[in-house]
Amino acid sequence: MVEGLGERRIIEILLDQLEVMPRVTVPFGDDASAVDLDDGRLAVMKTDMLVGKTDVPPCMSLWQAARKAVVMNVSDLAAKGVRPAAILASLGLPRGLTEGDIEQIGRGLNDGAREYGAYVLGGDTNEASDLVISCAAFGTCEKQFFVKRGGARPGDLVAVTGPFGKTAAGLKILLEGLPASSKVKENLVNAVLMPQARLQEGLILAQTRAVTASIDSSDGLAWSLHEISRASRVGFIIEKLPIAQEAEEFAEAHGLNPAELALYGGEEYELVITVKAELWKRAEEAVKKIGGRITKIGLATGEPTILFKEKRGIVPIEARGWEHFKPHSK
């Protein structure tokens, strides 16, 4: 049964059945796929699917759900340093939706695409037992600026584009009814309902040539570190966890571990990157110029382990995060 396999094992089985494209530029398992255009440029593609049961929490409108379906794809292109140009959207719609519901979905798709400079060109529509919004994003980039997961080297600095833990805390408010002060609640719930892709940061970082590896963190900070580790054959020593202040306050109020929220929550859509140490200033200043920020959290090592240096000593960061078909994966 697929419940026992988990999403990642299912992907492995599927990939074993596929013939690898000759001279493939980007190997299976990265954030996006690419085809070499033979003129120094790549055609870059990404597809991601939103399903009502697993991806649309209570209080999320259909407009927000459709927008999120776009953001999910844009975030993966952002991690590769690619600007989205076009979106295709395939919809599975339950019979109970109204005309107003369909309008909301259409507006959400359009608003999400235009927010990041892309257009929805078309797609497909069908009947389904649950809401399904499957988007495919397309963009191009110069081959030299495409950032893979597999380029990190020992001595590189590990960094992120923003804090973690807000969505994990926000989901506890929405799904478990845990209380919070009005300001904290607004920030945490908004992180869930209105995720932001770090497109401008991804584009400018790719241009600096300082970034050696990059990944979208939607499956969680811990899992993202393990994915770069596997692809690059490096390890990491994490010296500082980038925990959002609101997540810290929420965790303290409810006796939760803020490190758990930050490491294993998922749905953050920040970028986790590795940067050449000698080019750190270049990357930091480039992001600052566009109004963003990167925060250094650790160092890449030659040992294939991922460790967190905390007050009580050094502890391993487990390879866990969000995984479909595994109900207790968070």
C-alpha atoms as a PDB file:
ATOM      1  CA  MET A   1       0.000   0.000   0.000  1.00  0.00           C
ATOM      2  CA  VAL A   2       1.226   3.502  -0.778  1.00  0.00           C
ATOM      3  CA  GLU A   3       0.730   4.594   2.864  1.00  0.00           C
ATOM      4  CA  GLY A   4       3.645   2.368   3.827  1.00  0.00           C
ATOM      5  CA  LEU A   5       5.871   3.611   1.032  1.00  0.00           C
ATOM      6  CA  GLY A   6       5.756   7.359   1.535  1.00  0.00           C
ATOM      7  CA  GLU A   7       6.049  10.035  -1.140  1.00  0.00           C
ATOM      8  CA  ARG A   8       9.813   9.816  -1.572  1.00  0.00           C
ATOM      9  CA  ARG A   9       9.883   6.032  -2.045  1.00  0.00           C
ATOM     10  CA  ILE A  10       7.021   6.348  -4.554  1.00  0.00           C
ATOM     11  CA  ILE A  11       9.085   8.891  -6.506  1.00  0.00           C
ATOM     12  CA  GLU A  12      12.096   6.550  -6.460  1.00  0.00           C
ATOM     13  CA  ILE A  13       9.969   3.726  -7.892  1.00  0.00           C
ATOM     14  CA  LEU A  14       8.585   5.982 -10.625  1.00  0.00           C
ATOM     15  CA  LEU A  15      12.019   7.314 -11.565  1.00  0.00           C
ATOM     16  CA  ASP A  16      13.319   3.760 -11.906  1.00  0.00           C
ATOM     17  CA  GLN A  17      10.782   3.278 -14.711  1.00  0.00           C
ATOM     18  CA  LEU A  18      11.844   6.382 -16.650  1.00  0.00           C
ATOM     19  CA  GLU A  19      14.494   6.584 -19.345  1.00  0.00           C
ATOM     20  CA  VAL A  20      16.974   9.373 -18.651  1.00  0.00           C
ATOM     21  CA  MET A  21      17.177  12.051 -21.320  1.00  0.00           C
ATOM     22  CA  PRO A  22      20.578  12.104 -23.079  1.00  0.00           C
ATOM     23  CA  ARG A  23      22.848  14.956 -21.964  1.00  0.00           C
ATOM     24  CA  VAL A  24      20.412  15.926 -19.247  1.00  0.00           C
ATOM     25  CA  THR A  25      21.428  19.245 -17.692  1.00  0.00           C
ATOM     26  CA  VAL A  26      19.651  18.910 -14.353  1.00  0.00           C
ATOM     27  CA  PRO A  27      19.446  15.459 -12.742  1.00  0.00           C
ATOM     28  CA  PHE A  28      16.233  14.018 -11.333  1.00  0.00           C
ATOM     29  CA  GLY A  29      15.568  15.201  -7.806  1.00  0.00           C
ATOM     30  CA  ASP A  30      16.305  18.915  -8.051  1.00  0.00           C
ATOM     31  CA  ASP A  31      13.710  21.653  -7.478  1.00  0.00           C
ATOM     32  CA  ALA A  32      13.041  22.014 -11.221  1.00  0.00           C
ATOM     33  CA  SER A  33      13.824  20.311 -14.527  1.00  0.00           C
ATOM     34  CA  ALA A  34      15.575  21.836 -17.523  1.00  0.00           C
ATOM     35  CA  VAL A  35      16.258  21.307 -21.206  1.00  0.00           C
ATOM     36  CA  ASP A  36      19.374  22.718 -22.859  1.00  0.00           C
ATOM     37  CA  LEU A  37      18.421  25.137 -25.642  1.00  0.00           C
ATOM     38  CA  ASP A  38      21.927  24.883 -27.200  1.00  0.00           C
ATOM     39  CA  ASP A  39      22.432  28.652 -27.133  1.00  0.00           C
ATOM     40  CA  GLY A  40      23.807  28.962 -23.626  1.00  0.00           C
ATOM     41  CA  ARG A  41      20.302  29.066 -22.152  1.00  0.00           C
ATOM     42  CA  LEU A  42      18.033  26.606 -20.389  1.00  0.00           C
ATOM     43  CA  ALA A  43      14.288  26.083 -20.631  1.00  0.00           C
ATOM     44  CA  VAL A  44      13.330  25.446 -17.016  1.00  0.00           C
ATOM     45  CA  MET A  45      10.116  23.718 -15.943  1.00  0.00           C
ATOM     46  CA  LYS A  46       8.446  22.947 -12.647  1.00  0.00           C
ATOM     47  CA  THR A  47       5.125  21.381 -11.713  1.00  0.00           C
ATOM     48  CA  ASP A  48       3.532  21.184  -8.284  1.00  0.00           C
ATOM     49  CA  MET A  49       0.073  20.187  -7.121  1.00  0.00           C
ATOM     50  CA  LEU A  50      -2.218  21.568  -4.435  1.00  0.00           C
ATOM     51  CA  VAL A  51      -4.880  19.202  -3.050  1.00  0.00           C
ATOM     52  CA  GLY A  52      -7.711  20.406  -0.851  1.00  0.00           C
ATOM     53  CA  LYS A  53      -7.440  17.693   1.805  1.00  0.00           C
ATOM     54  CA  THR A  54      -3.719  18.113   2.499  1.00  0.00           C
ATOM     55  CA  ASP A  55      -2.847  21.646   1.363  1.00  0.00           C
ATOM     56  CA  VAL A  56      -5.834  23.863   2.148  1.00  0.00           C
ATOM     57  CA  PRO A  57      -6.288  24.483   5.899  1.00  0.00           C
ATOM     58  CA  PRO A  58      -9.456  25.907   7.484  1.00  0.00           C
ATOM     59  CA  CYS A  59      -9.965  29.631   6.815  1.00  0.00           C
ATOM     60  CA  MET A  60      -8.013  29.541   3.541  1.00  0.00           C
ATOM     61  CA  SER A  61     -10.202  30.963   0.779  1.00  0.00           C
ATOM     62  CA  LEU A  62     -10.275  29.489  -2.707  1.00  0.00           C
ATOM     63  CA  TRP A  63      -8.559  32.670  -3.932  1.00  0.00           C
ATOM     64  CA  GLN A  64      -5.737  32.062  -1.453  1.00  0.00           C
ATOM     65  CA  ALA A  65      -5.565  28.369  -2.355  1.00  0.00           C
ATOM     66  CA  ALA A  66      -5.216  29.101  -6.075  1.00  0.00           C
ATOM     67  CA  ARG A  67      -2.607  31.780  -5.398  1.00  0.00           C
ATOM     68  CA  LYS A  68      -0.703  29.349  -3.170  1.00  0.00           C
ATOM     69  CA  ALA A  69      -0.670  26.783  -5.995  1.00  0.00           C
ATOM     70  CA  VAL A  70       1.191  29.346  -8.109  1.00  0.00           C
ATOM     71  CA  VAL A  71       3.546  30.377  -5.282  1.00  0.00           C
ATOM     72  CA  MET A  72       4.543  26.735  -4.749  1.00  0.00           C
ATOM     73  CA  ASN A  73       5.881  26.593  -8.295  1.00  0.00           C
ATOM     74  CA  VAL A  74       7.431  30.058  -8.347  1.00  0.00           C
ATOM     75  CA  SER A  75       9.347  29.261  -5.164  1.00  0.00           C
ATOM     76  CA  ASP A  76      11.039  26.279  -6.798  1.00  0.00           C
ATOM     77  CA  LEU A  77      12.068  28.383  -9.803  1.00  0.00           C
ATOM     78  CA  ALA A  78      13.330  31.063  -7.414  1.00  0.00           C
ATOM     79  CA  ALA A  79      15.632  28.512  -5.810  1.00  0.00           C
ATOM     80  CA  LYS A  80      17.192  27.895  -9.225  1.00  0.00           C
ATOM     81  CA  GLY A  81      17.567  31.579 -10.055  1.00  0.00           C
ATOM     82  CA  VAL A  82      14.905  31.451 -12.761  1.00  0.00           C
ATOM     83  CA  ARG A  83      12.205  34.049 -13.458  1.00  0.00           C
ATOM     84  CA  PRO A  84       8.806  32.482 -14.300  1.00  0.00           C
ATOM     85  CA  ALA A  85       7.308  33.570 -17.616  1.00  0.00           C
ATOM     86  CA  ALA A  86       4.260  31.334 -18.018  1.00  0.00           C
ATOM     87  CA  ILE A  87       1.981  29.117 -15.918  1.00  0.00           C
ATOM     88  CA  LEU A  88      -0.300  26.261 -16.992  1.00  0.00           C
ATOM     89  CA  ALA A  89      -3.011  25.271 -14.524  1.00  0.00           C
ATOM     90  CA  SER A  90      -4.937  21.987 -14.470  1.00  0.00           C
ATOM     91  CA  LEU A  91      -7.982  21.930 -12.211  1.00  0.00           C
ATOM     92  CA  GLY A  92      -9.845  19.055 -10.595  1.00  0.00           C
ATOM     93  CA  LEU A  93     -13.122  20.531  -9.346  1.00  0.00           C
ATOM     94  CA  PRO A  94     -15.708  18.944  -7.006  1.00  0.00           C
ATOM     95  CA  ARG A  95     -19.328  19.176  -8.155  1.00  0.00           C
ATOM     96  CA  GLY A  96     -20.378  21.291  -5.180  1.00  0.00           C
ATOM     97  CA  LEU A  97     -18.439  24.409  -6.180  1.00  0.00           C
ATOM     98  CA  THR A  98     -20.397  27.482  -7.203  1.00  0.00           C
ATOM     99  CA  GLU A  99     -19.833  29.968 -10.014  1.00  0.00           C
ATOM    100  CA  GLY A 100     -18.432  32.379  -7.428  1.00  0.00           C
ATOM    101  CA  ASP A 101     -16.010  29.684  -6.251  1.00  0.00           C
ATOM    102  CA  ILE A 102     -14.716  29.234  -9.807  1.00  0.00           C
ATOM    103  CA  GLU A 103     -14.252  32.992 -10.127  1.00  0.00           C
ATOM    104  CA  GLN A 104     -12.202  32.970  -6.931  1.00  0.00           C
ATOM    105  CA  ILE A 105      -9.954  30.219  -8.260  1.00  0.00           C
ATOM    106  CA  GLY A 106      -9.453  32.047 -11.551  1.00  0.00           C
ATOM    107  CA  ARG A 107      -8.607  35.308  -9.809  1.00  0.00           C
ATOM    108  CA  GLY A 108      -6.220  33.551  -7.442  1.00  0.00           C
ATOM    109  CA  LEU A 109      -4.352  31.938 -10.328  1.00  0.00           C
ATOM    110  CA  ASN A 110      -4.111  35.234 -12.209  1.00  0.00           C
ATOM    111  CA  ASP A 111      -3.151  37.312  -9.177  1.00  0.00           C
ATOM    112  CA  GLY A 112      -0.510  34.802  -8.112  1.00  0.00           C
ATOM    113  CA  ALA A 113       1.049  34.705 -11.560  1.00  0.00           C
ATOM    114  CA  ARG A 114       1.013  38.493 -12.044  1.00  0.00           C
ATOM    115  CA  GLU A 115       2.494  39.020  -8.562  1.00  0.00           C
ATOM    116  CA  TYR A 116       5.658  37.378  -9.884  1.00  0.00           C
ATOM    117  CA  GLY A 117       5.579  38.750 -13.424  1.00  0.00           C
ATOM    118  CA  ALA A 118       4.151  35.650 -15.126  1.00  0.00           C
ATOM    119  CA  TYR A 119       0.925  34.908 -17.011  1.00  0.00           C
ATOM    120  CA  VAL A 120      -1.431  31.940 -16.940  1.00  0.00           C
ATOM    121  CA  LEU A 121      -1.609  30.686 -20.536  1.00  0.00           C
ATOM    122  CA  GLY A 122      -4.161  27.896 -20.140  1.00  0.00           C
ATOM    123  CA  GLY A 123      -4.458  24.384 -18.763  1.00  0.00           C
ATOM    124  CA  ASP A 124      -7.139  21.747 -18.270  1.00  0.00           C
ATOM    125  CA  THR A 125     -10.309  21.304 -16.212  1.00  0.00           C
ATOM    126  CA  ASN A 126     -11.914  18.103 -15.004  1.00  0.00           C
ATOM    127  CA  GLU A 127     -14.242  16.741 -12.336  1.00  0.00           C
ATOM    128  CA  ALA A 128     -12.679  15.389  -9.133  1.00  0.00           C
ATOM    129  CA  SER A 129     -13.757  14.246  -5.681  1.00  0.00           C
ATOM    130  CA  ASP A 130     -11.476  16.827  -4.043  1.00  0.00           C
ATOM    131  CA  LEU A 131     -10.117  20.204  -5.104  1.00  0.00           C
ATOM    132  CA  VAL A 132      -6.940  19.803  -7.153  1.00  0.00           C
ATOM    133  CA  ILE A 133      -4.950  22.721  -8.567  1.00  0.00           C
ATOM    134  CA  SER A 134      -1.893  21.505 -10.449  1.00  0.00           C
ATOM    135  CA  CYS A 135       0.316  24.224 -11.882  1.00  0.00           C
ATOM    136  CA  ALA A 136       3.315  24.033 -14.174  1.00  0.00           C
ATOM    137  CA  ALA A 137       5.685  26.991 -14.350  1.00  0.00           C
ATOM    138  CA  PHE A 138       8.068  27.762 -17.194  1.00  0.00           C
ATOM    139  CA  GLY A 139      11.002  30.148 -17.472  1.00  0.00           C
ATOM    140  CA  THR A 140      14.402  30.508 -19.079  1.00  0.00           C
ATOM    141  CA  CYS A 141      17.827  31.459 -17.779  1.00  0.00           C
ATOM    142  CA  GLU A 142      21.439  31.542 -18.823  1.00  0.00           C
ATOM    143  CA  LYS A 143      22.951  28.142 -18.117  1.00  0.00           C
ATOM    144  CA  GLN A 144      25.785  29.649 -16.076  1.00  0.00           C
ATOM    145  CA  PHE A 145      23.332  31.176 -13.586  1.00  0.00           C
ATOM    146  CA  PHE A 146      21.222  28.056 -12.884  1.00  0.00           C
ATOM    147  CA  VAL A 147      21.791  27.007  -9.253  1.00  0.00           C
ATOM    148  CA  LYS A 148      21.525  23.284  -8.490  1.00  0.00           C
ATOM    149  CA  ARG A 149      21.244  21.464  -5.195  1.00  0.00           C
ATOM    150  CA  GLY A 150      24.474  19.615  -5.792  1.00  0.00           C
ATOM    151  CA  GLY A 151      27.125  22.343  -5.793  1.00  0.00           C
ATOM    152  CA  ALA A 152      27.881  22.844  -2.083  1.00  0.00           C
ATOM    153  CA  ARG A 153      31.469  22.262  -0.937  1.00  0.00           C
ATOM    154  CA  PRO A 154      33.108  21.969   2.496  1.00  0.00           C
ATOM    155  CA  GLY A 155      33.837  25.450   3.813  1.00  0.00           C
ATOM    156  CA  ASP A 156      30.775  27.042   2.195  1.00  0.00           C
ATOM    157  CA  LEU A 157      28.528  29.084   4.462  1.00  0.00           C
ATOM    158  CA  VAL A 158      24.916  27.988   4.987  1.00  0.00           C
ATOM    159  CA  ALA A 159      22.280  30.720   4.911  1.00  0.00           C
ATOM    160  CA  VAL A 160      18.544  31.336   4.649  1.00  0.00           C
ATOM    161  CA  THR A 161      16.435  34.162   3.246  1.00  0.00           C
ATOM    162  CA  GLY A 162      14.147  34.470   6.258  1.00  0.00           C
ATOM    163  CA  PRO A 163      13.032  33.073   9.623  1.00  0.00           C
ATOM    164  CA  PHE A 164      11.339  29.736  10.234  1.00  0.00           C
ATOM    165  CA  GLY A 165       8.607  28.377  12.475  1.00  0.00           C
ATOM    166  CA  LYS A 166       5.758  30.772  11.684  1.00  0.00           C
ATOM    167  CA  THR A 167       3.787  28.404   9.452  1.00  0.00           C
ATOM    168  CA  ALA A 168       4.145  25.481  11.860  1.00  0.00           C
ATOM    169  CA  ALA A 169       2.797  27.698  14.636  1.00  0.00           C
ATOM    170  CA  GLY A 170       0.095  29.132  12.354  1.00  0.00           C
ATOM    171  CA  LEU A 171      -1.124  25.639  11.502  1.00  0.00           C
ATOM    172  CA  LYS A 172      -1.398  24.820  15.195  1.00  0.00           C
ATOM    173  CA  ILE A 173      -3.707  27.815  15.521  1.00  0.00           C
ATOM    174  CA  LEU A 174      -5.806  26.832  12.502  1.00  0.00           C
ATOM    175  CA  LEU A 175      -5.871  23.051  12.981  1.00  0.00           C
ATOM    176  CA  GLU A 176      -5.634  22.655  16.752  1.00  0.00           C
ATOM    177  CA  GLY A 177      -7.248  25.879  17.925  1.00  0.00           C
ATOM    178  CA  LEU A 178      -4.307  26.972  20.073  1.00  0.00           C
ATOM    179  CA  PRO A 179      -4.741  30.598  21.151  1.00  0.00           C
ATOM    180  CA  ALA A 180      -2.379  33.542  20.612  1.00  0.00           C
ATOM    181  CA  SER A 181      -2.452  37.300  21.076  1.00  0.00           C
ATOM    182  CA  SER A 182      -4.126  39.148  18.214  1.00  0.00           C
ATOM    183  CA  LYS A 183      -0.887  40.485  16.700  1.00  0.00           C
ATOM    184  CA  VAL A 184       1.007  37.194  16.971  1.00  0.00           C
ATOM    185  CA  LYS A 185      -2.000  35.256  15.674  1.00  0.00           C
ATOM    186  CA  GLU A 186      -2.356  37.564  12.656  1.00  0.00           C
ATOM    187  CA  ASN A 187       1.309  37.156  11.692  1.00  0.00           C
ATOM    188  CA  LEU A 188       1.347  33.388  12.166  1.00  0.00           C
ATOM    189  CA  VAL A 189      -1.921  32.709  10.345  1.00  0.00           C
ATOM    190  CA  ASN A 190      -0.963  35.084   7.526  1.00  0.00           C
ATOM    191  CA  ALA A 191       2.230  33.070   6.993  1.00  0.00           C
ATOM    192  CA  VAL A 192       0.002  30.055   6.248  1.00  0.00           C
ATOM    193  CA  LEU A 193      -2.655  31.765   4.159  1.00  0.00           C
ATOM    194  CA  MET A 194      -0.425  34.139   2.150  1.00  0.00           C
ATOM    195  CA  PRO A 195       2.971  32.484   1.546  1.00  0.00           C
ATOM    196  CA  GLN A 196       5.601  34.480  -0.317  1.00  0.00           C
ATOM    197  CA  ALA A 197       8.106  33.108  -2.833  1.00  0.00           C
ATOM    198  CA  ARG A 198      11.605  34.617  -2.537  1.00  0.00           C
ATOM    199  CA  LEU A 199      11.870  35.255  -6.265  1.00  0.00           C
ATOM    200  CA  GLN A 200      13.850  38.501  -6.236  1.00  0.00           C
ATOM    201  CA  GLU A 201      16.320  37.056  -3.739  1.00  0.00           C
ATOM    202  CA  GLY A 202      16.768  33.920  -5.836  1.00  0.00           C
ATOM    203  CA  LEU A 203      17.336  35.896  -9.033  1.00  0.00           C
ATOM    204  CA  ILE A 204      19.890  38.302  -7.559  1.00  0.00           C
ATOM    205  CA  LEU A 205      21.745  35.547  -5.689  1.00  0.00           C
ATOM    206  CA  ALA A 206      22.133  33.532  -8.886  1.00  0.00           C
ATOM    207  CA  GLN A 207      23.588  36.583 -10.631  1.00  0.00           C
ATOM    208  CA  THR A 208      26.281  37.014  -7.958  1.00  0.00           C
ATOM    209  CA  ARG A 209      27.773  33.576  -8.743  1.00  0.00           C
ATOM    210  CA  ALA A 210      28.441  33.342  -5.010  1.00  0.00           C
ATOM    211  CA  VAL A 211      25.797  30.664  -4.344  1.00  0.00           C
ATOM    212  CA  THR A 212      26.896  27.054  -4.785  1.00  0.00           C
ATOM    213  CA  ALA A 213      23.619  25.277  -3.923  1.00  0.00           C
ATOM    214  CA  SER A 214      20.025  26.315  -3.332  1.00  0.00           C
ATOM    215  CA  ILE A 215      16.708  24.704  -2.431  1.00  0.00           C
ATOM    216  CA  ASP A 216      13.146  25.811  -1.709  1.00  0.00           C
ATOM    217  CA  SER A 217      12.329  25.027   1.930  1.00  0.00           C
ATOM    218  CA  SER A 218       8.655  24.085   1.576  1.00  0.00           C
ATOM    219  CA  ASP A 219       9.308  20.605   3.016  1.00  0.00           C
ATOM    220  CA  GLY A 220      10.997  22.086   6.092  1.00  0.00           C
ATOM    221  CA  LEU A 221      14.405  23.462   7.037  1.00  0.00           C
ATOM    222  CA  ALA A 222      15.737  20.128   8.289  1.00  0.00           C
ATOM    223  CA  TRP A 223      14.682  18.240   5.183  1.00  0.00           C
ATOM    224  CA  SER A 224      16.103  20.967   2.936  1.00  0.00           C
ATOM    225  CA  LEU A 225      19.498  20.672   4.624  1.00  0.00           C
ATOM    226  CA  HIS A 226      19.439  16.908   4.158  1.00  0.00           C
ATOM    227  CA  GLU A 227      18.489  17.277   0.479  1.00  0.00           C
ATOM    228  CA  ILE A 228      21.444  19.591  -0.224  1.00  0.00           C
ATOM    229  CA  SER A 229      23.654  17.253   1.825  1.00  0.00           C
ATOM    230  CA  ARG A 230      22.653  14.242  -0.294  1.00  0.00           C
ATOM    231  CA  ALA A 231      22.973  16.061  -3.609  1.00  0.00           C
ATOM    232  CA  SER A 232      26.296  17.745  -2.749  1.00  0.00           C
ATOM    233  CA  ARG A 233      27.807  14.982  -0.594  1.00  0.00           C
ATOM    234  CA  VAL A 234      28.585  17.360   2.253  1.00  0.00           C
ATOM    235  CA  GLY A 235      27.455  17.752   5.829  1.00  0.00           C
ATOM    236  CA  PHE A 236      26.540  20.785   7.889  1.00  0.00           C
ATOM    237  CA  ILE A 237      27.220  22.236  11.302  1.00  0.00           C
ATOM    238  CA  ILE A 238      24.326  24.557  12.133  1.00  0.00           C
ATOM    239  CA  GLU A 239      25.327  27.142  14.707  1.00  0.00           C
ATOM    240  CA  LYS A 240      22.184  29.306  14.795  1.00  0.00           C
ATOM    241  CA  LEU A 241      18.581  28.335  14.122  1.00  0.00           C
ATOM    242  CA  PRO A 242      16.672  31.085  12.276  1.00  0.00           C
ATOM    243  CA  ILE A 243      13.573  31.016  14.488  1.00  0.00           C
ATOM    244  CA  ALA A 244      10.952  33.729  13.957  1.00  0.00           C
ATOM    245  CA  GLN A 245      10.245  35.847  17.035  1.00  0.00           C
ATOM    246  CA  GLU A 246       6.502  35.141  16.765  1.00  0.00           C
ATOM    247  CA  ALA A 247       7.223  31.399  16.730  1.00  0.00           C
ATOM    248  CA  GLU A 248       9.412  31.808  19.838  1.00  0.00           C
ATOM    249  CA  GLU A 249       6.608  33.643  21.668  1.00  0.00           C
ATOM    250  CA  PHE A 250       3.996  31.097  20.581  1.00  0.00           C
ATOM    251  CA  ALA A 251       6.171  28.153  21.619  1.00  0.00           C
ATOM    252  CA  GLU A 252       6.860  29.682  25.045  1.00  0.00           C
ATOM    253  CA  ALA A 253       3.141  30.313  25.625  1.00  0.00           C
ATOM    254  CA  HIS A 254       2.223  26.686  24.867  1.00  0.00           C
ATOM    255  CA  GLY A 255       5.243  24.774  26.190  1.00  0.00           C
ATOM    256  CA  LEU A 256       6.417  23.864  22.701  1.00  0.00           C
ATOM    257  CA  ASN A 257       9.955  23.475  21.434  1.00  0.00           C
ATOM    258  CA  PRO A 258      10.664  26.403  19.067  1.00  0.00           C
ATOM    259  CA  ALA A 259      13.481  24.434  17.411  1.00  0.00           C
ATOM    260  CA  GLU A 260      10.951  21.760  16.428  1.00  0.00           C
ATOM    261  CA  LEU A 261       8.697  24.389  14.856  1.00  0.00           C
ATOM    262  CA  ALA A 262      11.589  25.888  12.900  1.00  0.00           C
ATOM    263  CA  LEU A 263      13.250  22.669  11.750  1.00  0.00           C
ATOM    264  CA  TYR A 264      10.363  20.361  10.975  1.00  0.00           C
ATOM    265  CA  GLY A 265       7.329  22.519  10.185  1.00  0.00           C
ATOM    266  CA  GLY A 266       7.563  23.081   6.442  1.00  0.00           C
ATOM    267  CA  GLU A 267       5.550  25.355   4.109  1.00  0.00           C
ATOM    268  CA  GLU A 268       7.966  28.253   4.661  1.00  0.00           C
ATOM    269  CA  TYR A 269       9.019  28.915   1.025  1.00  0.00           C
ATOM    270  CA  GLU A 270      12.291  30.476   2.126  1.00  0.00           C
ATOM    271  CA  LEU A 271      15.487  29.643   0.250  1.00  0.00           C
ATOM    272  CA  VAL A 272      18.191  27.567   1.925  1.00  0.00           C
ATOM    273  CA  ILE A 273      21.523  28.282   0.241  1.00  0.00           C
ATOM    274  CA  THR A 274      25.234  27.638   0.482  1.00  0.00           C
ATOM    275  CA  VAL A 275      27.600  30.486  -0.314  1.00  0.00           C
ATOM    276  CA  LYS A 276      31.327  30.615  -1.053  1.00  0.00           C
ATOM    277  CA  ALA A 277      32.865  32.051   2.111  1.00  0.00           C
ATOM    278  CA  GLU A 278      35.039  34.515   0.220  1.00  0.00           C
ATOM    279  CA  LEU A 279      31.992  35.853  -1.649  1.00  0.00           C
ATOM    280  CA  TRP A 280      29.651  36.176   1.328  1.00  0.00           C
ATOM    281  CA  LYS A 281      29.769  39.981   1.347  1.00  0.00           C
ATOM    282  CA  ARG A 282      28.916  40.107  -2.351  1.00  0.00           C
ATOM    283  CA  ALA A 283      25.830  37.925  -1.822  1.00  0.00           C
ATOM    284  CA  GLU A 284      24.747  39.727   1.347  1.00  0.00           C
ATOM    285  CA  GLU A 285      25.036  43.199  -0.192  1.00  0.00           C
ATOM    286  CA  ALA A 286      23.264  42.167  -3.408  1.00  0.00           C
ATOM    287  CA  VAL A 287      20.246  40.910  -1.471  1.00  0.00           C
ATOM    288  CA  LYS A 288      20.258  43.982   0.770  1.00  0.00           C
ATOM    289  CA  LYS A 289      20.029  46.249  -2.291  1.00  0.00           C
ATOM    290  CA  ILE A 290      16.685  44.712  -3.264  1.00  0.00           C
ATOM    291  CA  GLY A 291      15.307  45.023   0.265  1.00  0.00           C
ATOM    292  CA  GLY A 292      15.933  41.416   1.297  1.00  0.00           C
ATOM    293  CA  ARG A 293      18.224  39.707   3.744  1.00  0.00           C
ATOM    294  CA  ILE A 294      20.234  36.526   4.058  1.00  0.00           C
ATOM    295  CA  THR A 295      21.180  35.128   7.461  1.00  0.00           C
ATOM    296  CA  LYS A 296      24.187  32.921   8.052  1.00  0.00           C
ATOM    297  CA  ILE A 297      23.274  29.807  10.071  1.00  0.00           C
ATOM    298  CA  GLY A 298      26.215  27.434   9.706  1.00  0.00           C
ATOM    299  CA  LEU A 299      29.000  25.828   7.715  1.00  0.00           C
ATOM    300  CA  ALA A 300      29.298  23.000   5.191  1.00  0.00           C
ATOM    301  CA  THR A 301      31.655  20.190   6.209  1.00  0.00           C
ATOM    302  CA  GLY A 302      33.256  17.154   4.618  1.00  0.00           C
ATOM    303  CA  GLU A 303      31.458  14.715   6.929  1.00  0.00           C
ATOM    304  CA  PRO A 304      28.003  13.561   5.716  1.00  0.00           C
ATOM    305  CA  THR A 305      26.269  14.465   8.973  1.00  0.00           C
ATOM    306  CA  ILE A 306      23.998  17.376   9.849  1.00  0.00           C
ATOM    307  CA  LEU A 307      24.500  18.647  13.360  1.00  0.00           C
ATOM    308  CA  PHE A 308      23.206  21.506  15.487  1.00  0.00           C
ATOM    309  CA  LYS A 309      25.569  23.134  17.964  1.00  0.00           C
ATOM    310  CA  GLU A 310      23.320  24.133  20.861  1.00  0.00           C
ATOM    311  CA  LYS A 311      23.937  25.085  24.497  1.00  0.00           C
ATOM    312  CA  ARG A 312      23.780  21.513  25.812  1.00  0.00           C
ATOM    313  CA  GLY A 313      26.137  20.211  23.137  1.00  0.00           C
ATOM    314  CA  ILE A 314      26.027  18.985  19.553  1.00  0.00           C
ATOM    315  CA  VAL A 315      22.884  17.115  18.490  1.00  0.00           C
ATOM    316  CA  PRO A 316      21.911  15.604  15.111  1.00  0.00           C
ATOM    317  CA  ILE A 317      19.253  17.230  12.941  1.00  0.00           C
ATOM    318  CA  GLU A 318      16.939  14.445  11.832  1.00  0.00           C
ATOM    319  CA  ALA A 319      15.943  13.904   8.207  1.00  0.00           C
ATOM    320  CA  ARG A 320      12.261  14.522   8.640  1.00  0.00           C
ATOM    321  CA  GLY A 321       9.719  17.000   7.363  1.00  0.00           C
ATOM    322  CA  TRP A 322       6.493  16.996   5.378  1.00  0.00           C
ATOM    323  CA  GLU A 323       5.908  13.843   3.317  1.00  0.00           C
ATOM    324  CA  HIS A 324       2.658  12.807   1.638  1.00  0.00           C
ATOM    325  CA  PHE A 325       1.282   9.316   2.422  1.00  0.00           C
ATOM    326  CA  LYS A 326       2.900   9.460   5.882  1.00  0.00           C
ATOM    327  CA  PRO A 327       0.368  10.895   8.348  1.00  0.00           C
ATOM    328  CA  HIS A 328       2.890  11.336  11.176  1.00  0.00           C
ATOM    329  CA  SER A 329       5.735  12.830   9.140  1.00  0.00           C
ATOM    330  CA  LYS A 330       5.586  16.258  10.766  1.00  0.00           C
END
